[in-house]
PDB file of N, CA and C in Angstrom:
ATOM      1  N   UNK A   1      17.928 -15.200  23.280  1.00  0.00           N
ATOM      2  CA  UNK A   1      16.713 -15.499  23.750  1.00  0.00           C
ATOM      3  C   UNK A   1      15.511 -14.255  23.318  1.00  0.00           C
ATOM      4  N   UNK A   2      14.409 -15.090  22.907  1.00  0.00           N
ATOM      5  CA  UNK A   2      13.458 -14.519  22.295  1.00  0.00           C
ATOM      6  C   UNK A   2      12.608 -13.794  23.011  1.00  0.00           C
ATOM      7  N   UNK A   3      11.958 -12.345  22.912  1.00  0.00           N
ATOM      8  CA  UNK A   3      11.107 -11.832  23.862  1.00  0.00           C
ATOM      9  C   UNK A   3       9.732 -12.201  23.636  1.00  0.00           C
ATOM     10  N   UNK A   4       9.401 -12.950  22.480  1.00  0.00           N
ATOM     11  CA  UNK A   4       8.208 -12.921  22.183  1.00  0.00           C
ATOM     12  C   UNK A   4       7.358 -13.814  23.035  1.00  0.00           C
ATOM     13  N   UNK A   5       6.112 -13.973  23.622  1.00  0.00           N
ATOM     14  CA  UNK A   5       5.391 -14.696  24.368  1.00  0.00           C
ATOM     15  C   UNK A   5       4.817 -15.819  23.534  1.00  0.00           C
ATOM     16  N   UNK A   6       4.366 -15.818  22.527  1.00  0.00           N
ATOM     17  CA  UNK A   6       3.947 -16.618  21.681  1.00  0.00           C
ATOM     18  C   UNK A   6       4.198 -16.688  20.229  1.00  0.00           C
ATOM     19  N   UNK A   7       4.774 -17.887  19.608  1.00  0.00           N
ATOM     20  CA  UNK A   7       5.148 -17.674  18.196  1.00  0.00           C
ATOM     21  C   UNK A   7       4.005 -18.374  17.215  1.00  0.00           C
ATOM     22  N   UNK A   8       3.525 -17.946  16.317  1.00  0.00           N
ATOM     23  CA  UNK A   8       2.397 -18.725  15.421  1.00  0.00           C
ATOM     24  C   UNK A   8       3.173 -18.707  13.888  1.00  0.00           C
ATOM     25  N   UNK A   9       2.954 -20.034  13.637  1.00  0.00           N
ATOM     26  CA  UNK A   9       3.700 -20.583  12.152  1.00  0.00           C
ATOM     27  C   UNK A   9       2.229 -21.267  11.627  1.00  0.00           C
ATOM     28  N   UNK A  10       2.208 -20.678  10.342  1.00  0.00           N
ATOM     29  CA  UNK A  10       0.955 -21.366   9.215  1.00  0.00           C
ATOM     30  C   UNK A  10      -0.253 -21.510   9.972  1.00  0.00           C
ATOM     31  N   UNK A  11      -0.795 -20.433  10.629  1.00  0.00           N
ATOM     32  CA  UNK A  11      -2.089 -20.144  11.150  1.00  0.00           C
ATOM     33  C   UNK A  11      -3.024 -19.172  10.696  1.00  0.00           C
ATOM     34  N   UNK A  12      -4.318 -19.863  10.659  1.00  0.00           N
ATOM     35  CA  UNK A  12      -5.322 -18.936  10.010  1.00  0.00           C
ATOM     36  C   UNK A  12      -6.017 -17.872  10.977  1.00  0.00           C
ATOM     37  N   UNK A  13      -5.967 -16.808  10.767  1.00  0.00           N
ATOM     38  CA  UNK A  13      -6.939 -16.194  11.587  1.00  0.00           C
ATOM     39  C   UNK A  13      -8.221 -15.480  11.207  1.00  0.00           C
ATOM     40  N   UNK A  14      -9.507 -15.914  11.551  1.00  0.00           N
ATOM     41  CA  UNK A  14     -10.542 -15.508  10.711  1.00  0.00           C
ATOM     42  C   UNK A  14     -11.460 -14.497  12.018  1.00  0.00           C
ATOM     43  N   UNK A  15     -11.614 -13.103  11.612  1.00  0.00           N
ATOM     44  CA  UNK A  15     -12.456 -12.343  12.393  1.00  0.00           C
ATOM     45  C   UNK A  15     -12.266 -12.251  13.862  1.00  0.00           C
ATOM     46  N   UNK A  16     -10.647 -12.187  14.231  1.00  0.00           N
ATOM     47  CA  UNK A  16     -10.567 -11.886  15.680  1.00  0.00           C
ATOM     48  C   UNK A  16      -9.864 -10.778  15.878  1.00  0.00           C
ATOM     49  N   UNK A  17      -9.443 -10.436  16.829  1.00  0.00           N
ATOM     50  CA  UNK A  17      -8.658  -9.395  17.410  1.00  0.00           C
ATOM     51  C   UNK A  17      -7.512  -9.664  17.488  1.00  0.00           C
ATOM     52  N   UNK A  18      -6.773  -9.170  17.267  1.00  0.00           N
ATOM     53  CA  UNK A  18      -5.245  -9.834  17.021  1.00  0.00           C
ATOM     54  C   UNK A  18      -4.579  -8.623  17.865  1.00  0.00           C
ATOM     55  N   UNK A  19      -3.654  -9.258  18.853  1.00  0.00           N
ATOM     56  CA  UNK A  19      -2.760  -8.225  19.588  1.00  0.00           C
ATOM     57  C   UNK A  19      -1.773  -8.697  19.018  1.00  0.00           C
ATOM     58  N   UNK A  20      -0.853  -7.894  18.325  1.00  0.00           N
ATOM     59  CA  UNK A  20       0.449  -8.148  17.606  1.00  0.00           C
ATOM     60  C   UNK A  20       1.672  -7.955  18.714  1.00  0.00           C
ATOM     61  N   UNK A  21       1.754  -7.071  19.693  1.00  0.00           N
ATOM     62  CA  UNK A  21       2.433  -7.006  20.540  1.00  0.00           C
ATOM     63  C   UNK A  21       2.870  -7.966  21.286  1.00  0.00           C
ATOM     64  N   UNK A  22       4.281  -8.771  21.228  1.00  0.00           N
ATOM     65  CA  UNK A  22       4.999  -9.713  22.315  1.00  0.00           C
ATOM     66  C   UNK A  22       4.672 -10.899  21.673  1.00  0.00           C
ATOM     67  N   UNK A  23       4.494 -11.069  20.310  1.00  0.00           N
ATOM     68  CA  UNK A  23       3.963 -12.228  19.548  1.00  0.00           C
ATOM     69  C   UNK A  23       4.612 -12.106  18.496  1.00  0.00           C
ATOM     70  N   UNK A  24       5.235 -13.413  17.738  1.00  0.00           N
ATOM     71  CA  UNK A  24       5.790 -13.636  16.396  1.00  0.00           C
ATOM     72  C   UNK A  24       4.535 -14.432  15.308  1.00  0.00           C
ATOM     73  N   UNK A  25       4.781 -14.097  14.213  1.00  0.00           N
ATOM     74  CA  UNK A  25       3.710 -14.655  13.288  1.00  0.00           C
ATOM     75  C   UNK A  25       4.716 -14.962  11.929  1.00  0.00           C
ATOM     76  N   UNK A  26       4.444 -16.277  11.710  1.00  0.00           N
ATOM     77  CA  UNK A  26       5.390 -16.618  10.680  1.00  0.00           C
ATOM     78  C   UNK A  26       4.288 -17.064   9.384  1.00  0.00           C
ATOM     79  N   UNK A  27       4.134 -16.933   8.237  1.00  0.00           N
ATOM     80  CA  UNK A  27       3.361 -17.352   7.360  1.00  0.00           C
ATOM     81  C   UNK A  27       1.843 -17.688   7.729  1.00  0.00           C
ATOM     82  N   UNK A  28       1.551 -16.764   8.296  1.00  0.00           N
ATOM     83  CA  UNK A  28      -0.007 -16.506   8.774  1.00  0.00           C
ATOM     84  C   UNK A  28      -1.015 -15.952   7.957  1.00  0.00           C
ATOM     85  N   UNK A  29      -2.149 -16.157   8.045  1.00  0.00           N
ATOM     86  CA  UNK A  29      -3.128 -15.482   7.300  1.00  0.00           C
ATOM     87  C   UNK A  29      -3.943 -14.892   8.213  1.00  0.00           C
ATOM     88  N   UNK A  30      -4.594 -13.753   7.997  1.00  0.00           N
ATOM     89  CA  UNK A  30      -5.263 -12.732   8.641  1.00  0.00           C
ATOM     90  C   UNK A  30      -6.280 -12.155   7.696  1.00  0.00           C
ATOM     91  N   UNK A  31      -7.831 -12.704   7.997  1.00  0.00           N
ATOM     92  CA  UNK A  31      -9.127 -12.478   7.237  1.00  0.00           C
ATOM     93  C   UNK A  31      -9.721 -11.866   8.017  1.00  0.00           C
ATOM     94  N   UNK A  32     -10.435 -11.021   7.954  1.00  0.00           N
ATOM     95  CA  UNK A  32     -11.362 -10.150   8.528  1.00  0.00           C
ATOM     96  C   UNK A  32     -11.345  -9.312  10.133  1.00  0.00           C
ATOM     97  N   UNK A  33      -9.673  -9.269  10.504  1.00  0.00           N
ATOM     98  CA  UNK A  33      -9.326  -9.222  11.838  1.00  0.00           C
ATOM     99  C   UNK A  33      -9.259  -7.862  12.121  1.00  0.00           C
ATOM    100  N   UNK A  34      -9.118  -7.442  13.318  1.00  0.00           N
ATOM    101  CA  UNK A  34      -9.104  -6.214  13.743  1.00  0.00           C
ATOM    102  C   UNK A  34      -7.515  -6.483  14.557  1.00  0.00           C
ATOM    103  N   UNK A  35      -6.529  -5.811  13.973  1.00  0.00           N
ATOM    104  CA  UNK A  35      -5.137  -6.106  14.170  1.00  0.00           C
ATOM    105  C   UNK A  35      -4.440  -4.788  15.276  1.00  0.00           C
ATOM    106  N   UNK A  36      -4.371  -5.308  16.085  1.00  0.00           N
ATOM    107  CA  UNK A  36      -3.865  -3.933  17.422  1.00  0.00           C
ATOM    108  C   UNK A  36      -2.441  -3.946  17.167  1.00  0.00           C
ATOM    109  N   UNK A  37      -1.814  -2.929  17.353  1.00  0.00           N
ATOM    110  CA  UNK A  37      -0.249  -2.544  17.611  1.00  0.00           C
ATOM    111  C   UNK A  37      -0.152  -1.344  18.385  1.00  0.00           C
ATOM    112  N   UNK A  38       0.560  -1.403  19.588  1.00  0.00           N
ATOM    113  CA  UNK A  38       0.926  -0.490  20.510  1.00  0.00           C
ATOM    114  C   UNK A  38       2.268  -0.107  20.713  1.00  0.00           C
ATOM    115  N   UNK A  39       3.155  -1.321  20.890  1.00  0.00           N
ATOM    116  CA  UNK A  39       4.563  -0.931  21.056  1.00  0.00           C
ATOM    117  C   UNK A  39       5.549  -1.284  19.798  1.00  0.00           C
ATOM    118  N   UNK A  40       4.855  -1.937  19.001  1.00  0.00           N
ATOM    119  CA  UNK A  40       5.655  -2.317  17.910  1.00  0.00           C
ATOM    120  C   UNK A  40       6.883  -3.625  17.933  1.00  0.00           C
ATOM    121  N   UNK A  41       6.866  -4.059  19.279  1.00  0.00           N
ATOM    122  CA  UNK A  41       7.631  -5.632  19.699  1.00  0.00           C
ATOM    123  C   UNK A  41       6.781  -6.652  19.053  1.00  0.00           C
ATOM    124  N   UNK A  42       6.878  -6.952  17.739  1.00  0.00           N
ATOM    125  CA  UNK A  42       6.523  -7.881  17.105  1.00  0.00           C
ATOM    126  C   UNK A  42       7.257  -8.345  15.835  1.00  0.00           C
ATOM    127  N   UNK A  43       6.874  -9.803  15.374  1.00  0.00           N
ATOM    128  CA  UNK A  43       7.480 -10.102  14.512  1.00  0.00           C
ATOM    129  C   UNK A  43       6.682 -10.732  13.491  1.00  0.00           C
ATOM    130  N   UNK A  44       6.324 -10.026  12.050  1.00  0.00           N
ATOM    131  CA  UNK A  44       5.741 -10.314  10.738  1.00  0.00           C
ATOM    132  C   UNK A  44       6.553 -10.894   9.825  1.00  0.00           C
ATOM    133  N   UNK A  45       6.462 -12.286   9.295  1.00  0.00           N
ATOM    134  CA  UNK A  45       7.088 -12.805   8.485  1.00  0.00           C
ATOM    135  C   UNK A  45       6.473 -13.523   7.387  1.00  0.00           C
ATOM    136  N   UNK A  46       6.344 -12.986   5.997  1.00  0.00           N
ATOM    137  CA  UNK A  46       5.738 -13.770   5.057  1.00  0.00           C
ATOM    138  C   UNK A  46       4.113 -13.804   5.537  1.00  0.00           C
ATOM    139  N   UNK A  47       3.557 -13.060   5.956  1.00  0.00           N
ATOM    140  CA  UNK A  47       2.057 -13.040   6.530  1.00  0.00           C
ATOM    141  C   UNK A  47       1.400 -12.265   5.356  1.00  0.00           C
ATOM    142  N   UNK A  48      -0.141 -12.656   5.136  1.00  0.00           N
ATOM    143  CA  UNK A  48      -1.067 -11.838   4.508  1.00  0.00           C
ATOM    144  C   UNK A  48      -2.399 -11.315   5.357  1.00  0.00           C
ATOM    145  N   UNK A  49      -2.742  -9.978   4.677  1.00  0.00           N
ATOM    146  CA  UNK A  49      -3.916  -9.523   5.367  1.00  0.00           C
ATOM    147  C   UNK A  49      -4.842  -9.483   4.391  1.00  0.00           C
ATOM    148  N   UNK A  50      -6.113 -10.047   4.990  1.00  0.00           N
ATOM    149  CA  UNK A  50      -7.478  -9.671   3.731  1.00  0.00           C
ATOM    150  C   UNK A  50      -8.244  -9.108   4.373  1.00  0.00           C
ATOM    151  N   UNK A  51      -8.899  -7.768   4.174  1.00  0.00           N
ATOM    152  CA  UNK A  51      -9.996  -7.360   4.621  1.00  0.00           C
ATOM    153  C   UNK A  51      -9.891  -6.977   6.358  1.00  0.00           C
ATOM    154  N   UNK A  52      -8.817  -6.591   6.282  1.00  0.00           N
ATOM    155  CA  UNK A  52      -8.433  -6.210   7.918  1.00  0.00           C
ATOM    156  C   UNK A  52      -8.450  -4.772   8.598  1.00  0.00           C
ATOM    157  N   UNK A  53      -8.630  -4.605  10.011  1.00  0.00           N
ATOM    158  CA  UNK A  53      -8.356  -2.976   9.812  1.00  0.00           C
ATOM    159  C   UNK A  53      -7.150  -3.261  11.055  1.00  0.00           C
ATOM    160  N   UNK A  54      -6.499  -1.958  10.971  1.00  0.00           N
ATOM    161  CA  UNK A  54      -5.369  -1.864  11.982  1.00  0.00           C
ATOM    162  C   UNK A  54      -5.862  -0.960  12.978  1.00  0.00           C
ATOM    163  N   UNK A  55      -5.356  -1.185  14.113  1.00  0.00           N
ATOM    164  CA  UNK A  55      -5.761   0.298  15.040  1.00  0.00           C
ATOM    165  C   UNK A  55      -4.365   0.284  15.716  1.00  0.00           C
ATOM    166  N   UNK A  56      -4.055   1.638  16.162  1.00  0.00           N
ATOM    167  CA  UNK A  56      -2.676   1.754  16.218  1.00  0.00           C
ATOM    168  C   UNK A  56      -3.124   2.638  17.627  1.00  0.00           C
ATOM    169  N   UNK A  57      -2.234   1.950  18.826  1.00  0.00           N
ATOM    170  CA  UNK A  57      -2.207   2.648  20.373  1.00  0.00           C
ATOM    171  C   UNK A  57      -0.867   3.417  20.517  1.00  0.00           C
ATOM    172  N   UNK A  58      -0.602   4.133  21.806  1.00  0.00           N
ATOM    173  CA  UNK A  58       0.351   4.307  22.322  1.00  0.00           C
ATOM    174  C   UNK A  58       1.277   4.847  21.416  1.00  0.00           C
ATOM    175  N   UNK A  59       2.341   4.129  21.433  1.00  0.00           N
ATOM    176  CA  UNK A  59       3.569   4.543  20.634  1.00  0.00           C
ATOM    177  C   UNK A  59       3.405   4.544  19.318  1.00  0.00           C
ATOM    178  N   UNK A  60       2.799   3.476  18.590  1.00  0.00           N
ATOM    179  CA  UNK A  60       2.712   3.493  17.308  1.00  0.00           C
ATOM    180  C   UNK A  60       1.473   4.099  16.952  1.00  0.00           C
ATOM    181  N   UNK A  61       0.633   4.723  17.641  1.00  0.00           N
ATOM    182  CA  UNK A  61      -0.275   5.863  17.009  1.00  0.00           C
ATOM    183  C   UNK A  61       0.808   7.367  16.977  1.00  0.00           C
ATOM    184  N   UNK A  62       1.451   7.524  17.929  1.00  0.00           N
ATOM    185  CA  UNK A  62       2.435   8.685  17.914  1.00  0.00           C
ATOM    186  C   UNK A  62       3.697   8.571  16.797  1.00  0.00           C
ATOM    187  N   UNK A  63       4.034   7.558  16.309  1.00  0.00           N
ATOM    188  CA  UNK A  63       4.843   7.593  15.060  1.00  0.00           C
ATOM    189  C   UNK A  63       4.277   7.725  13.720  1.00  0.00           C
ATOM    190  N   UNK A  64       2.641   7.120  14.051  1.00  0.00           N
ATOM    191  CA  UNK A  64       2.100   6.915  12.707  1.00  0.00           C
ATOM    192  C   UNK A  64       1.641   8.621  12.496  1.00  0.00           C
ATOM    193  N   UNK A  65       1.451   9.249  13.370  1.00  0.00           N
ATOM    194  CA  UNK A  65       1.004  10.893  13.298  1.00  0.00           C
ATOM    195  C   UNK A  65       2.059  11.594  12.853  1.00  0.00           C
ATOM    196  N   UNK A  66       3.279  10.983  13.278  1.00  0.00           N
ATOM    197  CA  UNK A  66       4.517  11.728  12.856  1.00  0.00           C
ATOM    198  C   UNK A  66       4.929  11.374  11.176  1.00  0.00           C
ATOM    199  N   UNK A  67       4.553  10.467  10.981  1.00  0.00           N
ATOM    200  CA  UNK A  67       4.875   9.906   9.631  1.00  0.00           C
ATOM    201  C   UNK A  67       3.855  10.853   8.567  1.00  0.00           C
ATOM    202  N   UNK A  68       2.651  10.782   9.346  1.00  0.00           N
ATOM    203  CA  UNK A  68       1.582  11.769   8.392  1.00  0.00           C
ATOM    204  C   UNK A  68       2.114  12.926   8.094  1.00  0.00           C
ATOM    205  N   UNK A  69       2.886  13.677   9.027  1.00  0.00           N
ATOM    206  CA  UNK A  69       3.395  14.777   8.614  1.00  0.00           C
ATOM    207  C   UNK A  69       4.192  14.934   7.497  1.00  0.00           C
ATOM    208  N   UNK A  70       5.296  13.732   7.617  1.00  0.00           N
ATOM    209  CA  UNK A  70       5.845  13.879   6.533  1.00  0.00           C
ATOM    210  C   UNK A  70       5.580  13.363   5.263  1.00  0.00           C
ATOM    211  N   UNK A  71       4.583  12.420   5.082  1.00  0.00           N
ATOM    212  CA  UNK A  71       4.194  11.882   3.619  1.00  0.00           C
ATOM    213  C   UNK A  71       2.950  12.566   3.364  1.00  0.00           C
ATOM    214  N   UNK A  72       1.967  13.145   4.046  1.00  0.00           N
ATOM    215  CA  UNK A  72       0.897  13.845   3.881  1.00  0.00           C
ATOM    216  C   UNK A  72      -0.286  12.787   3.322  1.00  0.00           C
ATOM    217  N   UNK A  73      -0.734  13.084   2.104  1.00  0.00           N
ATOM    218  CA  UNK A  73      -1.559  11.983   1.696  1.00  0.00           C
ATOM    219  C   UNK A  73      -0.714  11.041   0.502  1.00  0.00           C
ATOM    220  N   UNK A  74       0.641  11.119   0.490  1.00  0.00           N
ATOM    221  CA  UNK A  74       1.340  10.354  -0.496  1.00  0.00           C
ATOM    222  C   UNK A  74       1.512   8.859   0.048  1.00  0.00           C
ATOM    223  N   UNK A  75       1.722   8.002  -0.582  1.00  0.00           N
ATOM    224  CA  UNK A  75       1.711   6.761  -0.571  1.00  0.00           C
ATOM    225  C   UNK A  75       3.078   6.392   0.460  1.00  0.00           C
ATOM    226  N   UNK A  76       3.197   5.757   1.384  1.00  0.00           N
ATOM    227  CA  UNK A  76       4.299   5.506   2.090  1.00  0.00           C
ATOM    228  C   UNK A  76       5.031   4.178   1.595  1.00  0.00           C
ATOM    229  N   UNK A  77       6.039   4.753   1.521  1.00  0.00           N
ATOM    230  CA  UNK A  77       7.007   3.471   1.365  1.00  0.00           C
ATOM    231  C   UNK A  77       8.351   3.716   2.325  1.00  0.00           C
ATOM    232  N   UNK A  78       8.449   2.049   3.010  1.00  0.00           N
ATOM    233  CA  UNK A  78       9.111   1.813   3.871  1.00  0.00           C
ATOM    234  C   UNK A  78      10.616   1.296   3.489  1.00  0.00           C
ATOM    235  N   UNK A  79      11.521   1.972   3.914  1.00  0.00           N
ATOM    236  CA  UNK A  79      12.992   1.631   3.594  1.00  0.00           C
ATOM    237  C   UNK A  79      13.641   0.659   4.442  1.00  0.00           C
ATOM    238  N   UNK A  80      14.289  -0.054   4.263  1.00  0.00           N
ATOM    239  CA  UNK A  80      15.140  -1.143   5.153  1.00  0.00           C
ATOM    240  C   UNK A  80      16.489  -0.883   4.816  1.00  0.00           C
ATOM    241  N   UNK A  81      16.724  -0.020   5.700  1.00  0.00           N
ATOM    242  CA  UNK A  81      18.325   0.490   5.611  1.00  0.00           C
ATOM    243  C   UNK A  81      19.364  -0.685   5.477  1.00  0.00           C
ATOM    244  N   UNK A  82      19.047  -2.128   5.839  1.00  0.00           N
ATOM    245  CA  UNK A  82      20.069  -2.984   5.616  1.00  0.00           C
ATOM    246  C   UNK A  82      19.843  -3.807   4.133  1.00  0.00           C
ATOM    247  N   UNK A  83      18.994  -2.903   3.570  1.00  0.00           N
ATOM    248  CA  UNK A  83      18.930  -3.461   1.905  1.00  0.00           C
ATOM    249  C   UNK A  83      20.173  -2.933   1.179  1.00  0.00           C
ATOM    250  N   UNK A  84      20.746  -3.649   0.326  1.00  0.00           N
ATOM    251  CA  UNK A  84      21.741  -3.177  -0.543  1.00  0.00           C
ATOM    252  C   UNK A  84      21.473  -2.297  -1.608  1.00  0.00           C
ATOM    253  N   UNK A  85      22.534  -1.322  -1.947  1.00  0.00           N
ATOM    254  CA  UNK A  85      22.055  -0.406  -2.722  1.00  0.00           C
ATOM    255  C   UNK A  85      20.742   0.428  -2.417  1.00  0.00           C
ATOM    256  N   UNK A  86      20.350   0.716  -1.231  1.00  0.00           N
ATOM    257  CA  UNK A  86      19.322   1.517  -0.872  1.00  0.00           C
ATOM    258  C   UNK A  86      19.982   2.978  -1.197  1.00  0.00           C
ATOM    259  N   UNK A  87      20.932   3.292  -0.988  1.00  0.00           N
ATOM    260  CA  UNK A  87      21.802   4.702  -1.231  1.00  0.00           C
ATOM    261  C   UNK A  87      21.992   5.015  -2.649  1.00  0.00           C
ATOM    262  N   UNK A  88      22.001   3.955  -3.298  1.00  0.00           N
ATOM    263  CA  UNK A  88      22.279   4.225  -4.908  1.00  0.00           C
ATOM    264  C   UNK A  88      23.744   3.878  -5.143  1.00  0.00           C
ATOM    265  N   UNK A  89      24.572   3.418  -3.926  1.00  0.00           N
ATOM    266  CA  UNK A  89      25.779   2.959  -3.926  1.00  0.00           C
ATOM    267  C   UNK A  89      26.207   2.236  -2.940  1.00  0.00           C
ATOM    268  N   UNK A  90      27.063   1.213  -2.945  1.00  0.00           N
ATOM    269  CA  UNK A  90      27.612   0.313  -1.976  1.00  0.00           C
ATOM    270  C   UNK A  90      28.066   0.905  -0.907  1.00  0.00           C
ATOM    271  N   UNK A  91      27.550   0.734   0.358  1.00  0.00           N
ATOM    272  CA  UNK A  91      28.320   1.603   1.361  1.00  0.00           C
ATOM    273  C   UNK A  91      28.440   0.308   2.283  1.00  0.00           C
ATOM    274  N   UNK A  92      29.798   0.444   2.950  1.00  0.00           N
ATOM    275  CA  UNK A  92      30.090  -0.161   4.033  1.00  0.00           C
ATOM    276  C   UNK A  92      30.245   0.376   5.288  1.00  0.00           C
ATOM    277  N   UNK A  93      29.779  -0.132   6.469  1.00  0.00           N
ATOM    278  CA  UNK A  93      29.264   0.262   7.942  1.00  0.00           C
ATOM    279  C   UNK A  93      30.224  -0.354   8.466  1.00  0.00           C
ATOM    280  N   UNK A  94      30.846   0.441   9.744  1.00  0.00           N
ATOM    281  CA  UNK A  94      31.851   0.028  10.796  1.00  0.00           C
ATOM    282  C   UNK A  94      31.255  -1.046  11.364  1.00  0.00           C
ATOM    283  N   UNK A  95      31.686  -2.365  11.892  1.00  0.00           N
ATOM    284  CA  UNK A  95      31.341  -3.283  12.433  1.00  0.00           C
ATOM    285  C   UNK A  95      32.562  -3.182  13.843  1.00  0.00           C
ATOM    286  N   UNK A  96      32.337  -3.925  14.658  1.00  0.00           N
ATOM    287  CA  UNK A  96      33.205  -4.482  15.570  1.00  0.00           C
ATOM    288  C   UNK A  96      34.407  -5.082  15.265  1.00  0.00           C
ATOM    289  N   UNK A  97      34.470  -5.831  14.049  1.00  0.00           N
ATOM    290  CA  UNK A  97      35.515  -6.360  13.398  1.00  0.00           C
ATOM    291  C   UNK A  97      36.554  -5.560  12.769  1.00  0.00           C
ATOM    292  N   UNK A  98      35.900  -4.037  12.470  1.00  0.00           N
ATOM    293  CA  UNK A  98      36.585  -3.083  11.554  1.00  0.00           C
ATOM    294  C   UNK A  98      37.425  -2.185  12.167  1.00  0.00           C
ATOM    295  N   UNK A  99      38.442  -1.863  11.930  1.00  0.00           N
ATOM    296  CA  UNK A  99      39.229  -0.944  12.700  1.00  0.00           C
ATOM    297  C   UNK A  99      39.193  -0.054  11.752  1.00  0.00           C
ATOM    298  N   UNK A 100      39.067   1.196  12.296  1.00  0.00           N
ATOM    299  CA  UNK A 100      38.983   2.572  11.620  1.00  0.00           C
ATOM    300  C   UNK A 100      40.322   3.400  12.184  1.00  0.00           C
ATOM    301  N   UNK A 101      40.970   3.726  11.039  1.00  0.00           N
ATOM    302  CA  UNK A 101      42.080   4.943  11.601  1.00  0.00           C
ATOM    303  C   UNK A 101      41.864   5.721  10.804  1.00  0.00           C
ATOM    304  N   UNK A 102      42.279   7.146  11.678  1.00  0.00           N
ATOM    305  CA  UNK A 102      42.279   8.439  11.071  1.00  0.00           C
ATOM    306  C   UNK A 102      43.724   8.673  10.582  1.00  0.00           C
ATOM    307  N   UNK A 103      43.911   9.596   9.531  1.00  0.00           N
ATOM    308  CA  UNK A 103      45.072  10.102   8.752  1.00  0.00           C
ATOM    309  C   UNK A 103      45.209  11.683   9.070  1.00  0.00           C
TER     310      UNK A 103
END
């Protein structure tokens, strides 16, 4: 069961304040919006942002401050650990169906 209160699909938002938390956005366009994120409980899939501002509050702001310590002024690269080959080699992770035995 989804935890998102509202799901938006193929919608265009223009010059609005958008609260991301608790909502899902698929194939949406945002133009000139103030986008607000506090907890990170959102889903963004294939969305575009043009001339928008991002306001981070609460947990999101704390995480951003920690990231700034690590990256300084360098561009941020977001890694998806589920992405194949992210570590330069193929890795297999244990799942519920995998039996691990020690020798």
